[in-house]
Protein backbone atom coordinates (compact mmCIF):
# COMPACT_ATOMS: atom_id res chain seq x y z
CA UNK A 1 -26.72 34.25 65.17
CA UNK A 2 -24.33 33.92 68.06
CA UNK A 3 -20.91 32.72 66.87
CA UNK A 4 -19.27 31.26 69.94
CA UNK A 5 -15.66 30.10 69.95
CA UNK A 6 -16.85 26.51 69.70
CA UNK A 7 -18.99 27.27 66.66
CA UNK A 8 -16.19 29.20 64.98
CA UNK A 9 -13.86 26.24 65.57
CA UNK A 10 -16.35 23.81 63.99
CA UNK A 11 -16.86 26.10 60.99
CA UNK A 12 -13.10 26.49 60.59
CA UNK A 13 -12.56 22.73 60.63
CA UNK A 14 -15.28 22.11 58.03
CA UNK A 15 -14.05 24.91 55.73
CA UNK A 16 -10.44 23.73 55.97
CA UNK A 17 -11.49 20.13 55.32
CA UNK A 18 -13.37 21.24 52.23
CA UNK A 19 -10.51 23.38 50.91
CA UNK A 20 -7.82 20.79 51.61
CA UNK A 21 -9.83 18.03 49.90
CA UNK A 22 -10.52 20.18 46.84
CA UNK A 23 -6.87 21.24 46.65
CA UNK A 24 -5.69 17.63 46.87
CA UNK A 25 -8.21 16.59 44.21
CA UNK A 26 -7.09 19.34 41.86
CA UNK A 27 -3.40 18.46 42.33
CA UNK A 28 -3.82 14.67 42.51
CA UNK A 29 -3.74 14.14 38.74
CA UNK A 30 -0.54 16.16 38.49
CA UNK A 31 1.04 14.15 41.31
CA UNK A 32 -0.07 10.82 39.83
CA UNK A 33 1.25 11.81 36.39
CA UNK A 34 4.59 12.75 37.90
CA UNK A 35 4.81 9.40 39.71
CA UNK A 36 3.86 7.47 36.55
CA UNK A 37 6.42 9.38 34.48
CA UNK A 38 9.08 8.59 37.06
CA UNK A 39 8.17 4.88 37.03
CA UNK A 40 8.16 4.74 33.21
CA UNK A 41 11.61 6.31 33.06
CA UNK A 42 12.86 3.61 35.41
CA UNK A 43 11.13 0.52 34.01
CA UNK A 44 10.60 1.06 30.27
CA UNK A 45 14.03 1.79 28.74
CA UNK A 46 15.27 -1.26 26.83
CA UNK A 47 18.40 -1.86 28.86
CA UNK A 48 19.58 -4.87 30.80
CA UNK A 49 17.88 -4.95 34.21
CA UNK A 50 14.75 -2.98 33.37
CA UNK A 51 11.30 -4.52 33.65
CA UNK A 52 10.57 -4.01 29.93
CA UNK A 53 13.89 -5.53 28.88
CA UNK A 54 13.00 -8.72 30.78
CA UNK A 55 10.12 -9.72 28.52
CA UNK A 56 11.42 -7.86 25.44
CA UNK A 57 14.67 -9.79 25.17
CA UNK A 58 13.12 -13.20 25.72
CA UNK A 59 9.35 -13.47 26.14
CA UNK A 60 8.76 -15.82 29.10
CA UNK A 61 6.00 -17.78 27.36
CA UNK A 62 6.25 -19.07 23.77
CA UNK A 63 3.71 -18.01 21.15
CA UNK A 64 1.11 -20.59 20.17
CA UNK A 65 1.65 -20.67 16.42
CA UNK A 66 -1.42 -22.44 15.02
CA UNK A 67 -1.77 -23.57 11.42
CA UNK A 68 -5.19 -24.34 9.93
CA UNK A 69 -5.22 -25.91 6.45
CA UNK A 70 -8.01 -26.05 3.86
CA UNK A 71 -8.55 -29.51 2.41
CA UNK A 72 -10.08 -29.35 -1.11
CA UNK A 73 -12.78 -32.02 -1.22
CA UNK A 74 -13.81 -31.79 -4.91
CA UNK A 75 -10.64 -31.58 -7.06
CA UNK A 76 -12.01 -33.79 -9.86
CA UNK A 77 -15.21 -31.76 -10.20
CA UNK A 78 -13.22 -28.53 -10.36
CA UNK A 79 -11.29 -29.75 -13.42
CA UNK A 80 -14.19 -31.63 -15.03
CA UNK A 81 -16.70 -28.80 -15.12
CA UNK A 82 -15.06 -25.78 -13.50
CA UNK A 83 -16.97 -26.36 -10.27
CA UNK A 84 -16.49 -23.98 -7.38
CA UNK A 85 -13.82 -25.32 -5.00
CA UNK A 86 -15.22 -26.74 -1.76
CA UNK A 87 -12.84 -26.73 1.19
CA UNK A 88 -12.89 -28.13 4.70
CA UNK A 89 -10.83 -26.50 7.44
CA UNK A 90 -8.55 -28.81 9.42
CA UNK A 91 -6.49 -27.92 12.46
CA UNK A 92 -5.03 -26.57 14.51
CA UNK A 93 -1.53 -27.91 14.01
CA UNK A 94 0.31 -26.12 16.80
CA UNK A 95 3.93 -25.09 17.07
CA UNK A 96 5.45 -23.44 20.12
CA UNK A 97 7.30 -20.39 18.88
CA UNK A 98 10.20 -19.44 21.14
CA UNK A 99 11.58 -15.93 20.58
CA UNK A 100 14.84 -14.41 21.70
CA UNK A 101 16.62 -11.18 20.80
CA UNK A 102 20.24 -11.67 19.75
CA UNK A 103 23.09 -9.51 18.45
CA UNK A 104 21.87 -6.63 20.63
CA UNK A 105 23.77 -3.41 19.97
CA UNK A 106 23.05 0.14 21.17
CA UNK A 107 23.41 3.35 19.16
CA UNK A 108 23.68 6.28 21.56
CA UNK A 109 23.59 8.91 18.83
CA UNK A 110 19.85 8.37 18.20
CA UNK A 111 18.94 6.25 21.25
CA UNK A 112 18.14 3.09 19.28
CA UNK A 113 18.85 -0.56 19.92
CA UNK A 114 19.68 -2.98 17.13
CA UNK A 115 18.86 -6.68 17.27
CA UNK A 116 17.83 -9.86 15.51
CA UNK A 117 14.99 -11.99 16.84
CA UNK A 118 15.66 -15.70 16.64
CA UNK A 119 12.59 -17.86 16.02
CA UNK A 120 12.52 -21.48 17.09
CA UNK A 121 9.45 -23.58 16.23
CA UNK A 122 8.78 -26.78 18.20
CA UNK A 123 5.81 -28.93 17.26
CA UNK A 124 3.27 -29.39 20.06
CA UNK A 125 1.58 -32.69 19.31
CA UNK A 126 -0.53 -32.60 22.47
CA UNK A 127 -2.22 -29.33 21.52
CA UNK A 128 -2.67 -30.33 17.87
CA UNK A 129 -5.39 -32.34 16.14
CA UNK A 130 -2.78 -34.76 14.84
CA UNK A 131 0.83 -35.02 13.66
CA UNK A 132 2.01 -32.41 11.18
CA UNK A 133 2.67 -35.26 8.76
CA UNK A 134 -1.08 -35.49 8.11
CA UNK A 135 -1.85 -34.73 4.48
CA UNK A 136 -4.46 -32.60 2.74
CA UNK A 137 -5.37 -31.76 -0.85
CA UNK A 138 -4.49 -28.35 -2.22
CA UNK A 139 -3.57 -26.68 -5.49
CA UNK A 140 -0.26 -27.85 -6.97
CA UNK A 141 1.39 -24.53 -6.25
CA UNK A 142 4.81 -25.33 -7.80
CA UNK A 143 3.22 -26.56 -11.05
CA UNK A 144 0.83 -23.59 -11.13
CA UNK A 145 3.77 -21.25 -10.51
CA UNK A 146 5.66 -22.69 -13.47
CA UNK A 147 2.58 -22.18 -15.67
CA UNK A 148 2.31 -18.61 -14.39
CA UNK A 149 5.98 -17.85 -15.07
CA UNK A 150 5.93 -19.32 -18.59
CA UNK A 151 2.46 -18.13 -19.66
CA UNK A 152 3.85 -15.45 -21.98
CA UNK A 153 6.51 -17.67 -23.52
CA UNK A 154 6.08 -19.42 -26.91
CA UNK A 155 3.11 -21.79 -27.08
CA UNK A 156 5.28 -24.74 -28.07
CA UNK A 157 7.44 -24.24 -24.95
CA UNK A 158 4.40 -24.18 -22.67
CA UNK A 159 3.01 -27.33 -24.31
CA UNK A 160 6.37 -29.04 -23.96
CA UNK A 161 6.58 -28.20 -20.27
CA UNK A 162 3.05 -29.37 -19.65
CA UNK A 163 3.68 -32.69 -21.44
CA UNK A 164 6.82 -33.29 -19.44
CA UNK A 165 5.19 -32.60 -16.08
CA UNK A 166 2.17 -34.75 -16.90
CA UNK A 167 4.55 -37.53 -17.86
CA UNK A 168 6.00 -37.15 -14.37
CA UNK A 169 2.46 -37.64 -12.95
CA UNK A 170 2.11 -34.01 -11.89
CA UNK A 171 -1.52 -32.87 -11.70
CA UNK A 172 -3.35 -29.64 -10.96
CA UNK A 173 -3.81 -30.68 -7.35
CA UNK A 174 -1.47 -32.34 -4.90
CA UNK A 175 -1.71 -34.05 -1.56
CA UNK A 176 0.93 -32.86 0.84
CA UNK A 177 1.51 -32.83 4.57
CA UNK A 178 1.22 -29.76 6.76
CA UNK A 179 4.95 -30.04 7.42
CA UNK A 180 5.72 -30.15 3.69
CA UNK A 181 3.63 -27.15 2.71
CA UNK A 182 4.96 -25.01 5.54
CA UNK A 183 8.58 -26.05 5.97
CA UNK A 184 9.27 -27.13 2.41
CA UNK A 185 9.82 -30.23 0.32
CA UNK A 186 11.80 -31.07 -2.79
CA UNK A 187 9.74 -30.75 -5.94
CA UNK A 188 10.94 -32.02 -9.35
CA UNK A 189 8.65 -29.53 -11.12
CA UNK A 190 10.54 -26.57 -9.73
CA UNK A 191 13.90 -28.21 -10.38
CA UNK A 192 13.06 -29.00 -13.98
CA UNK A 193 11.43 -25.62 -14.42
CA UNK A 194 14.63 -24.01 -13.18
CA UNK A 195 16.78 -25.93 -15.67
CA UNK A 196 14.51 -24.98 -18.57
CA UNK A 197 14.23 -21.36 -17.42
CA UNK A 198 18.00 -20.97 -17.43
CA UNK A 199 18.20 -22.13 -21.06
CA UNK A 200 15.77 -19.34 -22.01
CA UNK A 201 17.34 -16.72 -19.74
CA UNK A 202 14.30 -16.70 -17.46
CA UNK A 203 15.15 -16.04 -13.83
CA UNK A 204 13.02 -16.72 -10.74
CA UNK A 205 14.28 -17.34 -7.17
CA UNK A 206 11.33 -19.70 -6.59
CA UNK A 207 12.66 -22.18 -9.16
CA UNK A 208 15.09 -23.87 -6.78
CA UNK A 209 13.76 -27.41 -6.69
CA UNK A 210 12.16 -26.89 -3.29
CA UNK A 211 8.92 -25.28 -2.12
CA UNK A 212 7.46 -24.27 1.25
CA UNK A 213 5.83 -21.15 2.65
CA UNK A 214 8.30 -20.92 5.56
CA UNK A 215 11.12 -22.86 3.97
CA UNK A 216 14.51 -22.69 5.73
CA UNK A 217 13.24 -20.21 8.33
CA UNK A 218 13.20 -22.29 11.52
CA UNK A 219 15.94 -21.21 13.94
CA UNK A 220 16.48 -18.05 11.89
CA UNK A 221 15.27 -14.46 12.17
CA UNK A 222 13.16 -11.92 10.27
CA UNK A 223 15.96 -9.49 9.63
CA UNK A 224 17.96 -6.82 11.41
CA UNK A 225 15.78 -4.42 13.40
CA UNK A 226 16.67 -1.10 14.94
CA UNK A 227 14.06 0.40 17.30
CA UNK A 228 13.97 3.39 19.62
CA UNK A 229 15.04 2.24 23.08
CA UNK A 230 13.72 4.98 25.39
CA UNK A 231 17.16 5.30 26.99
CA UNK A 232 16.94 9.06 26.49
CA UNK A 233 13.57 9.00 28.33
CA UNK A 234 11.82 10.15 25.16
CA UNK A 235 9.00 7.65 24.73
CA UNK A 236 7.24 9.26 21.78
CA UNK A 237 8.65 6.63 19.36
CA UNK A 238 9.48 4.01 21.97
CA UNK A 239 9.79 0.43 20.59
CA UNK A 240 8.98 1.60 17.05
CA UNK A 241 11.17 0.88 14.04
CA UNK A 242 13.92 3.22 12.96
CA UNK A 243 15.44 0.79 10.44
CA UNK A 244 14.73 -2.71 9.15
CA UNK A 245 17.63 -4.33 7.31
CA UNK A 246 19.06 -0.83 7.05
CA UNK A 247 15.94 0.55 5.34
CA UNK A 248 13.14 2.94 6.21
CA UNK A 249 11.35 2.10 3.00
CA UNK A 250 11.16 -1.02 0.82
CA UNK A 251 11.19 -1.48 -2.93
CA UNK A 252 8.46 -4.12 -3.09
CA UNK A 253 5.25 -2.22 -3.80
CA UNK A 254 4.22 0.56 -6.19
CA UNK A 255 4.03 3.59 -3.89
CA UNK A 256 5.94 5.26 -1.07
CA UNK A 257 2.92 4.76 1.19
CA UNK A 258 2.84 1.00 0.55
CA UNK A 259 6.61 0.65 0.92
CA UNK A 260 6.89 2.50 4.24
CA UNK A 261 8.43 0.70 7.23
CA UNK A 262 7.10 2.05 10.50
CA UNK A 263 5.39 1.21 13.77
CA UNK A 264 6.11 -1.57 16.22
CA UNK A 265 8.46 -4.34 15.10
CA UNK A 266 6.00 -7.12 15.92
CA UNK A 267 3.09 -5.40 17.68
CA UNK A 268 4.13 -6.62 21.14
CA UNK A 269 5.11 -3.15 22.43
CA UNK A 270 3.98 0.37 21.59
CA UNK A 271 4.86 3.81 22.98
CA UNK A 272 3.40 4.22 26.51
CA UNK A 273 0.41 6.30 27.59
CA UNK A 274 -1.89 4.84 24.93
CA UNK A 275 -5.38 6.27 24.54
CA UNK A 276 -8.27 5.35 22.27
CA UNK A 277 -7.13 8.16 19.96
CA UNK A 278 -3.54 6.89 19.68
CA UNK A 279 -2.24 6.27 16.16
CA UNK A 280 -0.68 2.79 16.32
CA UNK A 281 0.82 0.59 13.63
CA UNK A 282 3.11 -2.40 13.19
CA UNK A 283 5.35 -3.80 10.46
CA UNK A 284 4.54 -7.38 9.44
CA UNK A 285 7.60 -9.07 7.97
CA UNK A 286 5.54 -11.95 6.57
CA UNK A 287 3.23 -9.64 4.62
CA UNK A 288 6.07 -7.17 4.00
CA UNK A 289 3.93 -4.18 4.86
CA UNK A 290 2.95 -1.79 7.62
CA UNK A 291 -0.47 -2.38 9.14
CA UNK A 292 -2.26 0.33 11.06
CA UNK A 293 -4.27 -0.56 14.16
CA UNK A 294 -7.68 0.80 15.05
CA UNK A 295 -9.15 1.16 18.54
CA UNK A 296 -12.16 -1.07 19.18
CA UNK A 297 -12.94 -0.86 22.90
CA UNK A 298 -11.66 -0.77 26.44
CA UNK A 299 -11.86 -4.11 28.21
CA UNK A 300 -10.10 -6.19 30.87
CA UNK A 301 -7.75 -9.13 30.55
CA UNK A 302 -7.18 -11.29 33.63
CA UNK A 303 -8.10 -8.41 35.93
CA UNK A 304 -6.04 -5.74 34.14
CA UNK A 305 -7.55 -2.89 32.13
CA UNK A 306 -6.51 -2.97 28.48
CA UNK A 307 -7.29 -1.14 25.23
CA UNK A 308 -8.20 -3.47 22.38
CA UNK A 309 -6.93 -2.51 18.92
CA UNK A 310 -7.75 -4.37 15.69
CA UNK A 311 -6.19 -4.61 12.25
CA UNK A 312 -9.10 -2.96 10.39
CA UNK A 313 -10.57 -4.64 7.33
CA UNK A 314 -9.79 -1.49 5.35
CA UNK A 315 -6.08 -2.41 5.40
CA UNK A 316 -6.91 -5.04 2.75
CA UNK A 317 -9.24 -2.81 0.72
CA UNK A 318 -8.77 -2.44 -3.01
CA UNK A 319 -7.71 0.87 -4.51
CA UNK A 320 -11.33 1.42 -5.48
CA UNK A 321 -12.50 1.37 -1.86
CA UNK A 322 -9.33 2.86 -0.36
CA UNK A 323 -7.22 4.93 -2.79
CA UNK A 324 -4.29 4.92 -0.32
CA UNK A 325 -3.88 1.18 -1.05
CA UNK A 326 -3.24 1.72 -4.76
CA UNK A 327 0.43 0.88 -4.26
CA UNK A 328 -0.47 -2.68 -3.26
CA UNK A 329 -2.14 -3.33 -6.63
CA UNK A 330 0.17 -5.35 -8.89
CA UNK A 331 1.12 -4.69 -11.58
CA UNK A 332 -1.30 -1.74 -11.52
CA UNK A 333 -4.69 -0.61 -10.18
CA UNK A 334 -6.43 -2.31 -13.10
CA UNK A 335 -5.38 -5.66 -11.63
CA UNK A 336 -6.31 -4.99 -7.99
CA UNK A 337 -8.17 -7.88 -6.31
CA UNK A 338 -11.54 -7.04 -4.76
CA UNK A 339 -11.34 -5.67 -1.23
CA UNK A 340 -10.15 -8.31 1.21
CA UNK A 341 -6.90 -9.55 -0.35
CA UNK A 342 -3.43 -8.41 -1.44
CA UNK A 343 -1.42 -9.76 -4.37
CA UNK A 344 1.85 -11.10 -2.93
CA UNK A 345 3.51 -12.08 -6.21
CA UNK A 346 6.21 -9.43 -5.84
CA UNK A 347 7.15 -10.90 -2.46
CA UNK A 348 6.65 -14.54 -3.54
CA UNK A 349 8.91 -14.31 -6.60
CA UNK A 350 6.03 -14.29 -9.15
CA UNK A 351 4.19 -17.20 -7.50
CA UNK A 352 0.43 -16.45 -7.72
CA UNK A 353 0.03 -16.06 -3.95
CA UNK A 354 -2.47 -13.75 -2.32
CA UNK A 355 -2.67 -12.74 1.34
CA UNK A 356 -5.90 -12.01 3.21
CA UNK A 357 -7.41 -12.23 6.63
CA UNK A 358 -8.59 -15.74 7.62
CA UNK A 359 -11.73 -16.93 5.84
CA UNK A 360 -11.66 -13.61 3.92
CA UNK A 361 -13.31 -12.00 6.95
CA UNK A 362 -14.26 -8.40 6.21
CA UNK A 363 -13.64 -8.94 2.50
CA UNK A 364 -15.84 -8.54 -0.56
CA UNK A 365 -18.65 -11.17 -0.84
CA UNK A 366 -16.94 -12.08 -4.12
CA UNK A 367 -14.58 -14.41 -2.26
CA UNK A 368 -17.35 -16.31 -0.50
CA UNK A 369 -18.96 -17.02 -3.88
CA UNK A 370 -15.74 -18.36 -5.37
CA UNK A 371 -15.00 -20.87 -2.62
CA UNK A 372 -17.42 -22.78 -0.46
CA UNK A 373 -16.58 -23.67 3.11
CA UNK A 374 -15.59 -20.23 4.37
CA UNK A 375 -17.05 -19.26 7.75
CA UNK A 376 -15.75 -15.76 8.51
CA UNK A 377 -15.96 -14.60 12.12
CA UNK A 378 -14.61 -11.37 13.56
CA UNK A 379 -13.95 -13.01 16.94
CA UNK A 380 -12.05 -15.94 15.41
CA UNK A 381 -10.35 -14.37 12.43
CA UNK A 382 -9.64 -10.63 12.88
CA UNK A 383 -6.17 -9.85 14.30
CA UNK A 384 -6.15 -7.94 17.60
CA UNK A 385 -3.77 -6.51 20.19
CA UNK A 386 -4.78 -5.72 23.78
CA UNK A 387 -2.45 -3.08 25.20
CA UNK A 388 -1.84 -1.95 28.74
CA UNK A 389 -2.52 1.77 28.36
CA UNK A 390 0.19 3.09 30.67
CA UNK A 391 3.12 0.91 29.56
CA UNK A 392 2.09 0.15 25.95
CA UNK A 393 2.76 -3.58 26.46
CA UNK A 394 0.50 -6.08 24.66
CA UNK A 395 -0.81 -8.45 27.33
CA UNK A 396 -2.85 -10.50 24.85
CA UNK A 397 -2.65 -10.60 21.05
CA UNK A 398 -3.50 -12.66 17.98
CA UNK A 399 -1.52 -12.22 14.77
CA UNK A 400 -3.56 -13.69 11.92
CA UNK A 401 -3.27 -13.97 8.16
CA UNK A 402 -4.25 -16.37 5.37
CA UNK A 403 -2.34 -17.54 2.29
CA UNK A 404 -4.29 -18.20 -0.90
CA UNK A 405 -3.51 -19.24 -4.46
CA UNK A 406 -4.89 -17.29 -7.40
CA UNK A 407 -6.02 -19.89 -9.95
CA UNK A 408 -6.96 -19.26 -13.54
CA UNK A 409 -7.05 -21.04 -16.87
CA UNK A 410 -3.72 -21.35 -18.69
CA UNK A 411 -4.87 -22.29 -22.22
CA UNK A 412 -1.53 -23.67 -23.37
CA UNK A 413 -1.13 -25.92 -20.32
CA UNK A 414 -3.51 -28.82 -20.73
CA UNK A 415 -3.45 -29.42 -17.00
CA UNK A 416 -4.83 -25.96 -16.23
CA UNK A 417 -6.91 -25.43 -19.34
CA UNK A 418 -10.24 -25.69 -17.50
CA UNK A 419 -9.09 -24.24 -14.18
CA UNK A 420 -11.60 -21.69 -12.90
CA UNK A 421 -10.70 -18.18 -11.81
CA UNK A 422 -10.66 -18.30 -8.03
CA UNK A 423 -8.77 -17.33 -4.89
CA UNK A 424 -8.30 -20.72 -3.27
CA UNK A 425 -7.30 -20.69 0.43
CA UNK A 426 -4.39 -22.94 1.38
CA UNK A 427 -3.90 -22.24 5.11
CA UNK A 428 -4.20 -19.58 7.75
CA UNK A 429 -2.08 -18.69 10.77
CA UNK A 430 -3.30 -17.90 14.27
CA UNK A 431 -0.39 -16.65 16.36
CA UNK A 432 -1.64 -16.30 19.95
CA UNK A 433 0.65 -14.48 22.39
CA UNK A 434 -0.26 -13.98 26.05
CA UNK A 435 1.68 -12.84 29.08
CA UNK A 436 2.78 -15.42 31.64
CA UNK A 437 1.18 -15.61 35.10
CA UNK A 438 4.02 -13.91 37.06
CA UNK A 439 4.01 -10.94 34.69
CA UNK A 440 0.23 -10.70 34.79
CA UNK A 441 0.37 -10.78 38.59
CA UNK A 442 2.88 -7.94 38.49
CA UNK A 443 0.61 -5.83 36.26
CA UNK A 444 -2.45 -6.69 38.37
CA UNK A 445 -0.95 -6.22 41.84
CA UNK A 446 1.60 -3.44 41.33
CA UNK A 447 -0.12 -1.38 38.63
CA UNK A 448 -3.83 -2.18 38.35
CA UNK A 449 -4.57 -2.49 42.07
CA UNK A 450 -3.18 0.99 42.93
CA UNK A 451 -5.05 2.46 39.97
CA UNK A 452 -8.29 0.87 41.18
CA UNK A 453 -7.65 2.25 44.68
CA UNK A 454 -6.96 5.66 43.15
CA UNK A 455 -10.50 5.73 41.79
CA UNK A 456 -11.90 5.46 45.31
CA UNK A 457 -9.47 8.11 46.55
CA UNK A 458 -10.71 10.50 43.85
CA UNK A 459 -14.31 9.78 44.79
CA UNK A 460 -13.50 10.40 48.46
CA UNK A 461 -11.90 13.71 47.59
CA UNK A 462 -15.15 14.80 45.99
CA UNK A 463 -17.45 13.32 48.62
CA UNK A 464 -15.57 14.87 51.59
CA UNK A 465 -15.94 18.52 50.40
CA UNK A 466 -19.60 17.92 49.54
CA UNK A 467 -20.24 16.42 52.97
CA UNK A 468 -18.33 19.29 54.59
CA UNK A 469 -20.46 21.92 52.82
CA UNK A 470 -23.70 20.06 53.56
CA UNK A 471 -22.70 19.65 57.21
CA UNK A 472 -21.84 23.34 57.47
CA UNK A 473 -25.19 24.40 55.98
CA UNK A 474 -27.13 22.06 58.27
CA UNK A 475 -25.22 23.27 61.32
CA UNK A 476 -25.83 26.91 60.45
CA UNK A 477 -29.56 26.21 60.06
CA UNK A 478 -29.59 24.30 63.33
CA UNK A 479 -27.76 27.05 65.23
CA UNK A 480 -30.05 29.71 63.80
CA UNK A 481 -33.13 27.78 64.87
CA UNK A 482 -31.68 27.12 68.30
CA UNK A 483 -30.75 30.79 68.85
CA UNK A 484 -34.21 31.86 67.74
CA UNK A 485 -35.88 29.64 70.35
CA UNK A 486 -33.60 30.99 73.08
CA UNK A 487 -34.62 34.56 72.19
CA UNK A 488 -38.41 33.94 72.08
CA UNK A 489 -39.08 34.03 75.95
CA UNK A 490 -37.22 37.31 76.28
CA UNK A 491 -39.44 38.86 73.61
CA UNK A 492 -42.62 37.68 75.48
CA UNK A 493 -41.36 39.15 78.81
CA UNK A 494 -40.70 42.51 77.19
CA UNK A 495 -44.28 42.55 75.79
CA UNK A 496 -45.80 41.84 79.30
CA UNK A 497 -43.74 44.60 80.96
CA UNK A 498 -44.84 47.09 78.35
């Protein structure tokens, strides 16, 4: 084959194109990683002026805090013949939850930032099914709590208490408004129970004369948090808890594992560079426990790629199904509820309260048999967090839990003598948090769009070398064929001469 200067030039161009493209492809990931690391160091540290600080200090859009209540439709039948409770879900009753970090203080020695997060709830009548003054029938939790507290006291004292409360027209069930049951109301049962308890040296913080699941907590906070700020550009523990109320471990449950305080403060931010294999968790101040998160799938939210993590059902497993949860069994593993619920009496000051996921989703079928009206759905009831993989920011999330009352017969309280053993749901919470449009536009236009373009660049860097090699091979074959044809007449002439 005759390699002319022109052919050598073409070959050189194709070879160089191939080599340059392959070199760029091999070094592209390193370059991109370096650029991303540089951007994270600039935008993630929790300091005034950074991008992360903007929506960390005061989320631009309030959380939709939805309350769904369970209206008991057969209270008389339950007491008359121990019928299974039948409930009807009502809701949502929606509050706008406005959050803001206050009392911010930095600790340079370990690169943490300390803060309180003020919570302000404002009722959103337009988004709700009705006013939060609407009433529903539920178990008389204060009365039941008094029976639970005094159940091991002398029989005559229990009978005396029961007679007094019945004389005050207290029954096993009560009709209260959503506002009452959540924010609190004065209850003579608890006040009288408190007075009697003091005479017998019985102490319980719940016997105050007032009851409500979230009593006195509007315009307050969930405690003093200290999280790693990323100011030292070490993002391994970024936005995770160092201390809560000065503690790294509680004294609420029965094991070190159950009492641990770790993970994200509220699930809204995690360390950056999340993958499907990342070990993520969050500390829930309402449930007073750390919840691990499990990867479900990669998906998109409003045009931005996210990784969806769930609170797995196994977090509410009994010690039988998950030995690591033995510490949540109160007072011991012999009294552990079936998988799907956690005894909260140690947190609720001996009130017979039990926490679960909404509608006992993912729980033992036992719960569905005890109460009719449950319609568990993974899509509607399992908590989830959708994280932006690079920054670790939750762009869409739903914090969900359900509060239930453990009922049983109290033989020495006439009111509860025929009460069936059951876990009766009272209400469940659906806290929906989503990013505002400007922030989503920022993620979509400044982060997702370049990443999408990068995919095509990577493809091009593979296609170009392939095309270069194919072109070179085809040209070499073409030149060989062409040179062969040019040489054929000369060969014929030589044969004639000979």
